[in-house]
Full PDB file with SEQRES, HELIX, SHEET, SSBOND, CRYST1, ORIGX, SCALE, CONECT and MASTER records, all heavy atoms in Angstrom:
SEQRES   1 A   37  ALA PHE GLY GLY GLY LEU GLU LEU ALA LEU CYS ALA ASP          
SEQRES   2 A   37  LEU ARG VAL ALA GLY ALA GLU ALA ARG LEU GLY LEU VAL          
SEQRES   3 A   37  GLU THR ALA LEU ALA ILE ILE PRO GLY ALA GLY                  
HELIX    1 AA1 GLY A    4  ALA A    9  1                                   6    
HELIX    2 AA2 GLU A   27  LEU A   30  5                                   4    
CRYST1    1.000    1.000    1.000  90.00  90.00  90.00 P 1           1          
ORIGX1      1.000000  0.000000  0.000000        0.00000                         
ORIGX2      0.000000  1.000000  0.000000        0.00000                         
ORIGX3      0.000000  0.000000  1.000000        0.00000                         
SCALE1      1.000000  0.000000  0.000000        0.00000                         
SCALE2      0.000000  1.000000  0.000000        0.00000                         
SCALE3      0.000000  0.000000  1.000000        0.00000                         
ATOM      1  N   ALA A   1      -6.135  -4.412   0.490  1.00  0.00           N  
ATOM      2  CA  ALA A   1      -7.569  -4.287   0.770  1.00  0.00           C  
ATOM      3  C   ALA A   1      -8.063  -5.662   1.255  1.00  0.00           C  
ATOM      4  O   ALA A   1      -8.426  -6.520   0.652  1.00  0.00           O  
ATOM      5  CB  ALA A   1      -8.301  -3.934  -0.534  1.00  0.00           C  
ATOM      6  N   PHE A   2      -7.909  -5.752   2.661  1.00  0.00           N  
ATOM      7  CA  PHE A   2      -8.188  -7.034   3.252  1.00  0.00           C  
ATOM      8  C   PHE A   2      -9.408  -6.893   4.225  1.00  0.00           C  
ATOM      9  O   PHE A   2      -9.700  -5.855   4.790  1.00  0.00           O  
ATOM     10  CB  PHE A   2      -7.008  -7.544   4.125  1.00  0.00           C  
ATOM     11  CG  PHE A   2      -5.807  -7.893   3.372  1.00  0.00           C  
ATOM     12  CD1 PHE A   2      -4.576  -7.413   3.662  1.00  0.00           C  
ATOM     13  CD2 PHE A   2      -5.906  -8.692   2.180  1.00  0.00           C  
ATOM     14  CE1 PHE A   2      -3.404  -7.737   2.998  1.00  0.00           C  
ATOM     15  CE2 PHE A   2      -4.749  -9.065   1.426  1.00  0.00           C  
ATOM     16  CZ  PHE A   2      -3.570  -8.570   1.846  1.00  0.00           C  
ATOM     17  N   GLY A   3     -10.198  -8.022   4.364  1.00  0.00           N  
ATOM     18  CA  GLY A   3     -11.304  -8.013   5.294  1.00  0.00           C  
ATOM     19  C   GLY A   3     -12.331  -6.910   4.919  1.00  0.00           C  
ATOM     20  O   GLY A   3     -12.778  -6.877   3.805  1.00  0.00           O  
ATOM     21  N   GLY A   4     -12.513  -6.051   5.919  1.00  0.00           N  
ATOM     22  CA  GLY A   4     -13.460  -4.981   5.728  1.00  0.00           C  
ATOM     23  C   GLY A   4     -13.075  -4.067   4.612  1.00  0.00           C  
ATOM     24  O   GLY A   4     -13.928  -3.347   4.062  1.00  0.00           O  
ATOM     25  N   GLY A   5     -11.799  -3.989   4.306  1.00  0.00           N  
ATOM     26  CA  GLY A   5     -11.387  -3.144   3.188  1.00  0.00           C  
ATOM     27  C   GLY A   5     -11.872  -3.709   1.859  1.00  0.00           C  
ATOM     28  O   GLY A   5     -12.331  -2.866   0.976  1.00  0.00           O  
ATOM     29  N   LEU A   6     -11.820  -5.010   1.666  1.00  0.00           N  
ATOM     30  CA  LEU A   6     -12.351  -5.582   0.381  1.00  0.00           C  
ATOM     31  C   LEU A   6     -13.887  -5.399   0.531  1.00  0.00           C  
ATOM     32  O   LEU A   6     -14.505  -5.192  -0.561  1.00  0.00           O  
ATOM     33  CB  LEU A   6     -11.946  -6.973   0.323  1.00  0.00           C  
ATOM     34  CG  LEU A   6     -12.497  -7.715  -0.939  1.00  0.00           C  
ATOM     35  CD1 LEU A   6     -12.227  -6.930  -2.257  1.00  0.00           C  
ATOM     36  CD2 LEU A   6     -11.871  -9.149  -1.128  1.00  0.00           C  
ATOM     37  N   GLU A   7     -14.545  -5.622   1.630  1.00  0.00           N  
ATOM     38  CA  GLU A   7     -15.930  -5.523   1.736  1.00  0.00           C  
ATOM     39  C   GLU A   7     -16.409  -4.121   1.354  1.00  0.00           C  
ATOM     40  O   GLU A   7     -17.466  -3.929   0.725  1.00  0.00           O  
ATOM     41  CB  GLU A   7     -16.422  -5.848   3.158  1.00  0.00           C  
ATOM     42  CG  GLU A   7     -16.360  -7.400   3.454  1.00  0.00           C  
ATOM     43  CD  GLU A   7     -16.745  -7.685   4.824  1.00  0.00           C  
ATOM     44  OE1 GLU A   7     -16.191  -7.218   5.822  1.00  0.00           O  
ATOM     45  OE2 GLU A   7     -17.741  -8.455   5.010  1.00  0.00           O  
ATOM     46  N   LEU A   8     -15.599  -3.127   1.645  1.00  0.00           N  
ATOM     47  CA  LEU A   8     -15.929  -1.828   1.288  1.00  0.00           C  
ATOM     48  C   LEU A   8     -15.852  -1.656  -0.272  1.00  0.00           C  
ATOM     49  O   LEU A   8     -16.758  -1.063  -0.923  1.00  0.00           O  
ATOM     50  CB  LEU A   8     -14.917  -0.800   1.944  1.00  0.00           C  
ATOM     51  CG  LEU A   8     -14.867   0.629   1.439  1.00  0.00           C  
ATOM     52  CD1 LEU A   8     -16.150   1.336   1.683  1.00  0.00           C  
ATOM     53  CD2 LEU A   8     -13.719   1.426   2.171  1.00  0.00           C  
ATOM     54  N   ALA A   9     -14.790  -2.239  -0.828  1.00  0.00           N  
ATOM     55  CA  ALA A   9     -14.636  -2.054  -2.313  1.00  0.00           C  
ATOM     56  C   ALA A   9     -15.727  -2.823  -3.019  1.00  0.00           C  
ATOM     57  O   ALA A   9     -16.163  -2.474  -4.065  1.00  0.00           O  
ATOM     58  CB  ALA A   9     -13.267  -2.610  -2.680  1.00  0.00           C  
ATOM     59  N   LEU A  10     -16.226  -3.942  -2.408  1.00  0.00           N  
ATOM     60  CA  LEU A  10     -17.272  -4.705  -3.100  1.00  0.00           C  
ATOM     61  C   LEU A  10     -18.601  -3.945  -3.149  1.00  0.00           C  
ATOM     62  O   LEU A  10     -19.479  -4.288  -4.000  1.00  0.00           O  
ATOM     63  CB  LEU A  10     -17.507  -5.979  -2.264  1.00  0.00           C  
ATOM     64  CG  LEU A  10     -16.458  -7.057  -2.402  1.00  0.00           C  
ATOM     65  CD1 LEU A  10     -16.727  -8.286  -1.422  1.00  0.00           C  
ATOM     66  CD2 LEU A  10     -16.265  -7.563  -3.843  1.00  0.00           C  
ATOM     67  N   CYS A  11     -18.756  -2.899  -2.413  1.00  0.00           N  
ATOM     68  CA  CYS A  11     -19.941  -2.039  -2.490  1.00  0.00           C  
ATOM     69  C   CYS A  11     -20.000  -1.111  -3.644  1.00  0.00           C  
ATOM     70  O   CYS A  11     -20.961  -0.495  -3.883  1.00  0.00           O  
ATOM     71  CB  CYS A  11     -20.240  -1.329  -1.147  1.00  0.00           C  
ATOM     72  SG  CYS A  11     -20.403  -2.467   0.273  1.00  0.00           S  
ATOM     73  N   ALA A  12     -18.763  -0.891  -4.231  1.00  0.00           N  
ATOM     74  CA  ALA A  12     -18.735   0.008  -5.318  1.00  0.00           C  
ATOM     75  C   ALA A  12     -19.309  -0.621  -6.652  1.00  0.00           C  
ATOM     76  O   ALA A  12     -19.341  -1.891  -6.664  1.00  0.00           O  
ATOM     77  CB  ALA A  12     -17.201   0.415  -5.584  1.00  0.00           C  
ATOM     78  N   ASP A  13     -19.674   0.105  -7.519  1.00  0.00           N  
ATOM     79  CA  ASP A  13     -20.220  -0.421  -8.780  1.00  0.00           C  
ATOM     80  C   ASP A  13     -19.065  -0.964  -9.665  1.00  0.00           C  
ATOM     81  O   ASP A  13     -19.227  -1.896 -10.454  1.00  0.00           O  
ATOM     82  CB  ASP A  13     -20.935   0.685  -9.561  1.00  0.00           C  
ATOM     83  CG  ASP A  13     -22.117   1.284  -8.800  1.00  0.00           C  
ATOM     84  OD1 ASP A  13     -23.067   0.452  -8.616  1.00  0.00           O  
ATOM     85  OD2 ASP A  13     -22.073   2.394  -8.391  1.00  0.00           O  
ATOM     86  N   LEU A  14     -17.843  -0.289  -9.603  1.00  0.00           N  
ATOM     87  CA  LEU A  14     -16.684  -0.751 -10.387  1.00  0.00           C  
ATOM     88  C   LEU A  14     -15.531  -0.707  -9.477  1.00  0.00           C  
ATOM     89  O   LEU A  14     -15.397   0.233  -8.648  1.00  0.00           O  
ATOM     90  CB  LEU A  14     -16.542   0.260 -11.537  1.00  0.00           C  
ATOM     91  CG  LEU A  14     -17.719   0.335 -12.585  1.00  0.00           C  
ATOM     92  CD1 LEU A  14     -17.465   1.503 -13.532  1.00  0.00           C  
ATOM     93  CD2 LEU A  14     -17.804  -0.963 -13.366  1.00  0.00           C  
ATOM     94  N   ARG A  15     -14.516  -1.569  -9.790  1.00  0.00           N  
ATOM     95  CA  ARG A  15     -13.320  -1.675  -8.918  1.00  0.00           C  
ATOM     96  C   ARG A  15     -12.098  -1.678  -9.875  1.00  0.00           C  
ATOM     97  O   ARG A  15     -12.051  -2.542 -10.758  1.00  0.00           O  
ATOM     98  CB  ARG A  15     -13.300  -2.931  -8.039  1.00  0.00           C  
ATOM     99  CG  ARG A  15     -14.183  -2.878  -6.860  1.00  0.00           C  
ATOM    100  CD  ARG A  15     -14.495  -4.186  -6.275  1.00  0.00           C  
ATOM    101  NE  ARG A  15     -15.410  -4.949  -7.293  1.00  0.00           N  
ATOM    102  CZ  ARG A  15     -16.638  -4.738  -7.449  1.00  0.00           C  
ATOM    103  NH1 ARG A  15     -17.264  -3.731  -6.734  1.00  0.00           N  
ATOM    104  NH2 ARG A  15     -17.377  -5.342  -8.356  1.00  0.00           N  
ATOM    105  N   VAL A  16     -11.179  -0.666  -9.682  1.00  0.00           N  
ATOM    106  CA  VAL A  16     -10.004  -0.522 -10.427  1.00  0.00           C  
ATOM    107  C   VAL A  16      -8.864  -0.686  -9.423  1.00  0.00           C  
ATOM    108  O   VAL A  16      -8.904  -0.037  -8.386  1.00  0.00           O  
ATOM    109  CB  VAL A  16      -9.937   0.868 -11.134  1.00  0.00           C  
ATOM    110  CG1 VAL A  16      -8.602   1.017 -11.866  1.00  0.00           C  
ATOM    111  CG2 VAL A  16     -11.100   1.060 -12.027  1.00  0.00           C  
ATOM    112  N   ALA A  17      -7.870  -1.438  -9.830  1.00  0.00           N  
ATOM    113  CA  ALA A  17      -6.691  -1.662  -8.871  1.00  0.00           C  
ATOM    114  C   ALA A  17      -5.426  -1.631  -9.616  1.00  0.00           C  
ATOM    115  O   ALA A  17      -5.231  -2.000 -10.740  1.00  0.00           O  
ATOM    116  CB  ALA A  17      -6.801  -3.072  -8.201  1.00  0.00           C  
ATOM    117  N   GLY A  18      -4.364  -0.996  -8.854  1.00  0.00           N  
ATOM    118  CA  GLY A  18      -3.062  -1.053  -9.430  1.00  0.00           C  
ATOM    119  C   GLY A  18      -2.501  -2.524  -9.326  1.00  0.00           C  
ATOM    120  O   GLY A  18      -2.959  -3.376  -8.496  1.00  0.00           O  
ATOM    121  N   ALA A  19      -1.537  -2.811 -10.170  1.00  0.00           N  
ATOM    122  CA  ALA A  19      -1.035  -4.238 -10.276  1.00  0.00           C  
ATOM    123  C   ALA A  19      -0.374  -4.739  -9.040  1.00  0.00           C  
ATOM    124  O   ALA A  19      -0.318  -5.961  -8.882  1.00  0.00           O  
ATOM    125  CB  ALA A  19       0.021  -4.193 -11.431  1.00  0.00           C  
ATOM    126  N   GLU A  20      -0.013  -3.899  -8.078  1.00  0.00           N  
ATOM    127  CA  GLU A  20       0.542  -4.434  -6.856  1.00  0.00           C  
ATOM    128  C   GLU A  20      -0.449  -4.533  -5.666  1.00  0.00           C  
ATOM    129  O   GLU A  20      -0.056  -4.764  -4.556  1.00  0.00           O  
ATOM    130  CB  GLU A  20       1.764  -3.586  -6.376  1.00  0.00           C  
ATOM    131  CG  GLU A  20       2.930  -3.603  -7.437  1.00  0.00           C  
ATOM    132  CD  GLU A  20       4.032  -2.670  -7.084  1.00  0.00           C  
ATOM    133  OE1 GLU A  20       4.069  -2.126  -6.006  1.00  0.00           O  
ATOM    134  OE2 GLU A  20       5.029  -2.658  -7.757  1.00  0.00           O  
ATOM    135  N   ALA A  21      -1.700  -4.368  -5.977  1.00  0.00           N  
ATOM    136  CA  ALA A  21      -2.770  -4.416  -4.983  1.00  0.00           C  
ATOM    137  C   ALA A  21      -2.877  -5.907  -4.547  1.00  0.00           C  
ATOM    138  O   ALA A  21      -2.643  -6.771  -5.256  1.00  0.00           O  
ATOM    139  CB  ALA A  21      -4.096  -3.896  -5.546  1.00  0.00           C  
ATOM    140  N   ARG A  22      -3.284  -6.064  -3.245  1.00  0.00           N  
ATOM    141  CA  ARG A  22      -3.606  -7.410  -2.750  1.00  0.00           C  
ATOM    142  C   ARG A  22      -4.852  -7.291  -2.005  1.00  0.00           C  
ATOM    143  O   ARG A  22      -5.211  -6.354  -1.275  1.00  0.00           O  
ATOM    144  CB  ARG A  22      -2.438  -7.766  -1.716  1.00  0.00           C  
ATOM    145  CG  ARG A  22      -1.120  -8.024  -2.332  1.00  0.00           C  
ATOM    146  CD  ARG A  22       0.082  -8.015  -1.374  1.00  0.00           C  
ATOM    147  NE  ARG A  22       0.196  -6.656  -0.757  1.00  0.00           N  
ATOM    148  CZ  ARG A  22       0.285  -6.493   0.562  1.00  0.00           C  
ATOM    149  NH1 ARG A  22       0.177  -7.468   1.362  1.00  0.00           N  
ATOM    150  NH2 ARG A  22       0.444  -5.194   1.017  1.00  0.00           N  
ATOM    151  N   LEU A  23      -5.732  -8.387  -2.257  1.00  0.00           N  
ATOM    152  CA  LEU A  23      -7.079  -8.397  -1.763  1.00  0.00           C  
ATOM    153  C   LEU A  23      -7.432  -9.699  -1.181  1.00  0.00           C  
ATOM    154  O   LEU A  23      -6.941 -10.762  -1.540  1.00  0.00           O  
ATOM    155  CB  LEU A  23      -8.000  -8.077  -2.891  1.00  0.00           C  
ATOM    156  CG  LEU A  23      -7.786  -6.825  -3.829  1.00  0.00           C  
ATOM    157  CD1 LEU A  23      -6.908  -7.226  -4.959  1.00  0.00           C  
ATOM    158  CD2 LEU A  23      -9.110  -6.262  -4.227  1.00  0.00           C  
ATOM    159  N   GLY A  24      -8.373  -9.711  -0.212  1.00  0.00           N  
ATOM    160  CA  GLY A  24      -8.872 -10.901   0.388  1.00  0.00           C  
ATOM    161  C   GLY A  24      -9.777 -10.727   1.526  1.00  0.00           C  
ATOM    162  O   GLY A  24      -9.738  -9.778   2.270  1.00  0.00           O  
ATOM    163  N   LEU A  25     -10.713 -11.702   1.551  1.00  0.00           N  
ATOM    164  CA  LEU A  25     -11.541 -11.780   2.808  1.00  0.00           C  
ATOM    165  C   LEU A  25     -10.940 -12.832   3.652  1.00  0.00           C  
ATOM    166  O   LEU A  25     -11.090 -13.957   3.570  1.00  0.00           O  
ATOM    167  CB  LEU A  25     -13.002 -12.211   2.418  1.00  0.00           C  
ATOM    168  CG  LEU A  25     -13.783 -11.194   1.510  1.00  0.00           C  
ATOM    169  CD1 LEU A  25     -15.203 -11.824   1.165  1.00  0.00           C  
ATOM    170  CD2 LEU A  25     -13.948  -9.848   2.165  1.00  0.00           C  
ATOM    171  N   VAL A  26     -10.172 -12.240   4.655  1.00  0.00           N  
ATOM    172  CA  VAL A  26      -9.252 -13.164   5.447  1.00  0.00           C  
ATOM    173  C   VAL A  26      -9.782 -13.377   6.848  1.00  0.00           C  
ATOM    174  O   VAL A  26      -9.012 -13.921   7.638  1.00  0.00           O  
ATOM    175  CB  VAL A  26      -7.876 -12.388   5.506  1.00  0.00           C  
ATOM    176  CG1 VAL A  26      -7.283 -12.159   4.202  1.00  0.00           C  
ATOM    177  CG2 VAL A  26      -8.096 -11.099   6.241  1.00  0.00           C  
ATOM    178  N   GLU A  27     -11.037 -13.145   7.078  1.00  0.00           N  
ATOM    179  CA  GLU A  27     -11.593 -13.244   8.399  1.00  0.00           C  
ATOM    180  C   GLU A  27     -11.458 -14.704   9.033  1.00  0.00           C  
ATOM    181  O   GLU A  27     -11.300 -14.740  10.288  1.00  0.00           O  
ATOM    182  CB  GLU A  27     -13.029 -12.797   8.426  1.00  0.00           C  
ATOM    183  CG  GLU A  27     -13.094 -11.253   8.345  1.00  0.00           C  
ATOM    184  CD  GLU A  27     -13.215 -10.731   6.847  1.00  0.00           C  
ATOM    185  OE1 GLU A  27     -12.909 -11.554   6.053  1.00  0.00           O  
ATOM    186  OE2 GLU A  27     -13.584  -9.578   6.658  1.00  0.00           O  
ATOM    187  N   THR A  28     -11.624 -15.735   8.318  1.00  0.00           N  
ATOM    188  CA  THR A  28     -11.631 -16.965   8.858  1.00  0.00           C  
ATOM    189  C   THR A  28     -10.270 -17.353   9.526  1.00  0.00           C  
ATOM    190  O   THR A  28     -10.287 -18.196  10.393  1.00  0.00           O  
ATOM    191  CB  THR A  28     -12.040 -18.128   7.803  1.00  0.00           C  
ATOM    192  OG1 THR A  28     -11.143 -18.053   6.734  1.00  0.00           O  
ATOM    193  CG2 THR A  28     -13.506 -17.941   7.346  1.00  0.00           C  
ATOM    194  N   ALA A  29      -9.228 -16.663   9.038  1.00  0.00           N  
ATOM    195  CA  ALA A  29      -7.974 -16.901   9.691  1.00  0.00           C  
ATOM    196  C   ALA A  29      -7.922 -16.374  11.159  1.00  0.00           C  
ATOM    197  O   ALA A  29      -7.063 -16.741  11.979  1.00  0.00           O  
ATOM    198  CB  ALA A  29      -6.777 -16.280   8.878  1.00  0.00           C  
ATOM    199  N   LEU A  30      -8.885 -15.435  11.439  1.00  0.00           N  
ATOM    200  CA  LEU A  30      -8.954 -14.860  12.788  1.00  0.00           C  
ATOM    201  C   LEU A  30     -10.153 -15.477  13.547  1.00  0.00           C  
ATOM    202  O   LEU A  30     -10.637 -14.991  14.548  1.00  0.00           O  
ATOM    203  CB  LEU A  30      -9.239 -13.359  12.673  1.00  0.00           C  
ATOM    204  CG  LEU A  30      -8.069 -12.579  12.066  1.00  0.00           C  
ATOM    205  CD1 LEU A  30      -8.459 -11.150  11.742  1.00  0.00           C  
ATOM    206  CD2 LEU A  30      -6.784 -12.606  12.938  1.00  0.00           C  
ATOM    207  N   ALA A  31     -10.720 -16.609  13.003  1.00  0.00           N  
ATOM    208  CA  ALA A  31     -11.818 -17.390  13.644  1.00  0.00           C  
ATOM    209  C   ALA A  31     -13.101 -16.635  13.675  1.00  0.00           C  
ATOM    210  O   ALA A  31     -13.971 -16.775  14.539  1.00  0.00           O  
ATOM    211  CB  ALA A  31     -11.448 -17.817  15.033  1.00  0.00           C  
ATOM    212  N   ILE A  32     -13.210 -15.637  12.613  1.00  0.00           N  
ATOM    213  CA  ILE A  32     -14.516 -14.962  12.542  1.00  0.00           C  
ATOM    214  C   ILE A  32     -14.852 -15.138  10.951  1.00  0.00           C  
ATOM    215  O   ILE A  32     -14.238 -15.760  10.258  1.00  0.00           O  
ATOM    216  CB  ILE A  32     -14.403 -13.484  12.865  1.00  0.00           C  
ATOM    217  CG1 ILE A  32     -13.389 -12.798  12.121  1.00  0.00           C  
ATOM    218  CG2 ILE A  32     -14.285 -13.326  14.420  1.00  0.00           C  
ATOM    219  CD1 ILE A  32     -13.221 -11.217  12.385  1.00  0.00           C  
ATOM    220  N   ILE A  33     -15.966 -14.458  10.600  1.00  0.00           N  
ATOM    221  CA  ILE A  33     -16.454 -14.499   9.161  1.00  0.00           C  
ATOM    222  C   ILE A  33     -16.449 -13.102   8.663  1.00  0.00           C  
ATOM    223  O   ILE A  33     -16.664 -12.138   9.487  1.00  0.00           O  
ATOM    224  CB  ILE A  33     -17.740 -15.289   8.999  1.00  0.00           C  
ATOM    225  CG1 ILE A  33     -18.919 -14.557   9.458  1.00  0.00           C  
ATOM    226  CG2 ILE A  33     -17.627 -16.738   9.481  1.00  0.00           C  
ATOM    227  CD1 ILE A  33     -20.263 -15.133   9.046  1.00  0.00           C  
ATOM    228  N   PRO A  34     -16.518 -12.843   7.354  1.00  0.00           N  
ATOM    229  CA  PRO A  34     -16.820 -11.529   6.853  1.00  0.00           C  
ATOM    230  C   PRO A  34     -18.157 -11.169   7.322  1.00  0.00           C  
ATOM    231  O   PRO A  34     -19.208 -11.808   7.019  1.00  0.00           O  
ATOM    232  CB  PRO A  34     -16.762 -11.740   5.301  1.00  0.00           C  
ATOM    233  CG  PRO A  34     -15.915 -12.895   5.078  1.00  0.00           C  
ATOM    234  CD  PRO A  34     -16.213 -13.775   6.280  1.00  0.00           C  
ATOM    235  N   GLY A  35     -18.273  -9.966   7.983  1.00  0.00           N  
ATOM    236  CA  GLY A  35     -19.617  -9.624   8.561  1.00  0.00           C  
ATOM    237  C   GLY A  35     -20.129  -8.355   8.109  1.00  0.00           C  
ATOM    238  O   GLY A  35     -21.165  -7.882   8.570  1.00  0.00           O  
ATOM    239  N   ALA A  36     -19.495  -7.734   7.115  1.00  0.00           N  
ATOM    240  CA  ALA A  36     -19.998  -6.431   6.611  1.00  0.00           C  
ATOM    241  C   ALA A  36     -20.433  -6.617   5.077  1.00  0.00           C  
ATOM    242  O   ALA A  36     -20.279  -5.674   4.310  1.00  0.00           O  
ATOM    243  CB  ALA A  36     -18.918  -5.337   6.730  1.00  0.00           C  
ATOM    244  N   GLY A  37     -20.920  -7.776   4.802  1.00  0.00           N  
ATOM    245  CA  GLY A  37     -21.524  -8.019   3.545  1.00  0.00           C  
ATOM    246  C   GLY A  37     -20.708  -8.840   2.592  1.00  0.00           C  
ATOM    247  O   GLY A  37     -21.132  -9.197   1.568  1.00  0.00           O  
TER     248      GLY A  37                                                      
MASTER        0    0    0    2    0    0    0    6  247    1    0    3          
END                                                                             
């Protein structure tokens, strides 16, 4: 759940994840910023 995928999850009231999930707002590595909240 990277970039916009994590931004989508952040809009939920609750977040449940499996132990092998990986998450991050990775936009600065692409020279942009998280732009969907």
